[in-house]
Amino acid sequence: MLKRIEWLIVLLAAVTLLGGNVFLLRGSWGGWVMVAGSVLLVVMLALVIRQRRRGSR
């Protein structure tokens, strides 16, 4: 089960991705920055989950 901080990261990534799509539809370069930020958040979450699984062995 995901912990509270991990759910916060998921929520932040989703909001950032949604905001990035809005900016991209308006033709702004800031949208690419927001999409890249959301990708980094998802990678960070994957690394946290991976580390926790390794620690439980």
N, C-alpha and C. Protein backbone atom coordinates (compact mmCIF):
# COMPACT_ATOMS: atom_id res chain seq x y z
N MET A 1 0.84 -1.18 0.00
CA MET A 1 0.00 0.00 0.00
C MET A 1 0.88 1.25 0.00
N LEU A 2 0.44 2.24 -0.72
CA LEU A 2 1.22 3.48 -0.78
C LEU A 2 1.06 4.29 0.49
N LYS A 3 2.16 4.89 0.92
CA LYS A 3 2.10 5.75 2.09
C LYS A 3 1.58 7.12 1.68
N ARG A 4 1.31 7.94 2.67
CA ARG A 4 0.73 9.26 2.43
C ARG A 4 1.62 10.12 1.53
N ILE A 5 2.94 10.11 1.75
CA ILE A 5 3.84 10.95 0.95
C ILE A 5 3.88 10.47 -0.50
N GLU A 6 3.75 9.16 -0.69
CA GLU A 6 3.74 8.63 -2.05
C GLU A 6 2.46 9.03 -2.78
N TRP A 7 1.34 9.06 -2.08
CA TRP A 7 0.10 9.53 -2.70
C TRP A 7 0.21 11.01 -3.04
N LEU A 8 0.90 11.77 -2.20
CA LEU A 8 1.11 13.19 -2.48
C LEU A 8 1.94 13.37 -3.75
N ILE A 9 2.95 12.53 -3.93
CA ILE A 9 3.77 12.60 -5.14
C ILE A 9 2.93 12.26 -6.37
N VAL A 10 2.08 11.23 -6.26
CA VAL A 10 1.20 10.86 -7.37
C VAL A 10 0.27 12.01 -7.72
N LEU A 11 -0.34 12.62 -6.71
CA LEU A 11 -1.25 13.74 -6.94
C LEU A 11 -0.52 14.92 -7.57
N LEU A 12 0.66 15.23 -7.07
CA LEU A 12 1.44 16.34 -7.62
C LEU A 12 1.83 16.07 -9.07
N ALA A 13 2.21 14.83 -9.38
CA ALA A 13 2.56 14.48 -10.76
C ALA A 13 1.35 14.62 -11.68
N ALA A 14 0.18 14.19 -11.22
CA ALA A 14 -1.03 14.28 -12.04
C ALA A 14 -1.41 15.73 -12.30
N VAL A 15 -1.36 16.56 -11.27
CA VAL A 15 -1.71 17.97 -11.44
C VAL A 15 -0.69 18.67 -12.34
N THR A 16 0.59 18.34 -12.18
CA THR A 16 1.62 18.94 -13.01
C THR A 16 1.46 18.53 -14.46
N LEU A 17 1.14 17.26 -14.70
CA LEU A 17 0.92 16.79 -16.06
C LEU A 17 -0.29 17.46 -16.68
N LEU A 18 -1.36 17.60 -15.92
CA LEU A 18 -2.56 18.27 -16.42
C LEU A 18 -2.27 19.73 -16.76
N GLY A 19 -1.56 20.41 -15.87
CA GLY A 19 -1.19 21.80 -16.14
C GLY A 19 -0.27 21.92 -17.34
N GLY A 20 0.65 20.97 -17.50
CA GLY A 20 1.53 20.98 -18.67
C GLY A 20 0.76 20.82 -19.96
N ASN A 21 -0.25 19.96 -19.95
CA ASN A 21 -1.07 19.78 -21.15
C ASN A 21 -1.84 21.05 -21.48
N VAL A 22 -2.34 21.75 -20.47
CA VAL A 22 -3.06 23.00 -20.71
C VAL A 22 -2.13 24.03 -21.35
N PHE A 23 -0.91 24.15 -20.80
CA PHE A 23 0.04 25.11 -21.36
C PHE A 23 0.47 24.71 -22.77
N LEU A 24 0.61 23.40 -23.02
CA LEU A 24 0.99 22.95 -24.36
C LEU A 24 -0.11 23.26 -25.37
N LEU A 25 -1.36 23.11 -24.96
CA LEU A 25 -2.47 23.42 -25.87
C LEU A 25 -2.52 24.91 -26.20
N ARG A 26 -2.02 25.74 -25.29
CA ARG A 26 -2.00 27.18 -25.54
C ARG A 26 -0.74 27.60 -26.29
N GLY A 27 0.16 26.66 -26.54
CA GLY A 27 1.36 26.95 -27.31
C GLY A 27 2.49 27.52 -26.49
N SER A 28 2.55 27.20 -25.21
CA SER A 28 3.58 27.75 -24.33
C SER A 28 4.68 26.72 -24.10
N TRP A 29 5.92 27.21 -24.05
CA TRP A 29 7.05 26.33 -23.76
C TRP A 29 7.05 25.88 -22.30
N GLY A 30 6.37 26.61 -21.44
CA GLY A 30 6.29 26.21 -20.04
C GLY A 30 5.62 24.86 -19.86
N GLY A 31 4.79 24.48 -20.81
CA GLY A 31 4.13 23.19 -20.75
C GLY A 31 5.11 22.04 -20.80
N TRP A 32 6.14 22.19 -21.63
CA TRP A 32 7.16 21.14 -21.71
C TRP A 32 7.90 21.00 -20.40
N VAL A 33 8.15 22.12 -19.73
CA VAL A 33 8.82 22.08 -18.43
C VAL A 33 7.95 21.36 -17.41
N MET A 34 6.65 21.63 -17.43
CA MET A 34 5.75 20.98 -16.48
C MET A 34 5.62 19.48 -16.77
N VAL A 35 5.58 19.11 -18.05
CA VAL A 35 5.52 17.69 -18.40
C VAL A 35 6.79 16.98 -17.95
N ALA A 36 7.95 17.62 -18.18
CA ALA A 36 9.21 17.04 -17.73
C ALA A 36 9.24 16.90 -16.21
N GLY A 37 8.70 17.88 -15.50
CA GLY A 37 8.63 17.81 -14.04
C GLY A 37 7.76 16.66 -13.58
N SER A 38 6.66 16.43 -14.26
CA SER A 38 5.79 15.33 -13.85
C SER A 38 6.45 13.98 -14.13
N VAL A 39 7.21 13.90 -15.22
CA VAL A 39 7.94 12.66 -15.51
C VAL A 39 8.97 12.40 -14.41
N LEU A 40 9.66 13.45 -13.97
CA LEU A 40 10.63 13.29 -12.88
C LEU A 40 9.96 12.83 -11.59
N LEU A 41 8.77 13.36 -11.31
CA LEU A 41 8.04 12.93 -10.11
C LEU A 41 7.66 11.46 -10.19
N VAL A 42 7.24 11.00 -11.36
CA VAL A 42 6.86 9.60 -11.52
C VAL A 42 8.09 8.70 -11.36
N VAL A 43 9.22 9.13 -11.92
CA VAL A 43 10.46 8.36 -11.76
C VAL A 43 10.86 8.30 -10.29
N MET A 44 10.74 9.43 -9.59
CA MET A 44 11.07 9.45 -8.17
C MET A 44 10.18 8.49 -7.39
N LEU A 45 8.90 8.48 -7.70
CA LEU A 45 7.98 7.57 -7.02
C LEU A 45 8.35 6.11 -7.30
N ALA A 46 8.70 5.81 -8.54
CA ALA A 46 9.09 4.44 -8.88
C ALA A 46 10.34 4.02 -8.11
N LEU A 47 11.28 4.94 -7.96
CA LEU A 47 12.50 4.63 -7.21
C LEU A 47 12.20 4.43 -5.72
N VAL A 48 11.29 5.21 -5.17
CA VAL A 48 10.91 5.06 -3.76
C VAL A 48 10.26 3.69 -3.54
N ILE A 49 9.35 3.31 -4.42
CA ILE A 49 8.67 2.02 -4.28
C ILE A 49 9.67 0.88 -4.45
N ARG A 50 10.57 1.01 -5.41
CA ARG A 50 11.59 -0.03 -5.63
C ARG A 50 12.49 -0.18 -4.40
N GLN A 51 12.91 0.93 -3.83
CA GLN A 51 13.78 0.88 -2.66
C GLN A 51 13.06 0.25 -1.47
N ARG A 52 11.79 0.57 -1.31
CA ARG A 52 11.03 0.01 -0.19
C ARG A 52 10.86 -1.50 -0.35
N ARG A 53 10.65 -1.95 -1.59
CA ARG A 53 10.51 -3.39 -1.82
C ARG A 53 11.82 -4.12 -1.56
N ARG A 54 12.93 -3.51 -1.93
CA ARG A 54 14.23 -4.13 -1.66
C ARG A 54 14.50 -4.19 -0.17
N GLY A 55 14.08 -3.16 0.54
CA GLY A 55 14.31 -3.11 1.98
C GLY A 55 13.49 -4.13 2.75
N SER A 56 12.39 -4.56 2.17
CA SER A 56 11.51 -5.49 2.88
C SER A 56 11.96 -6.94 2.74
N ARG A 57 12.93 -7.20 1.89
CA ARG A 57 13.41 -8.58 1.69
C ARG A 57 14.29 -9.04 2.79
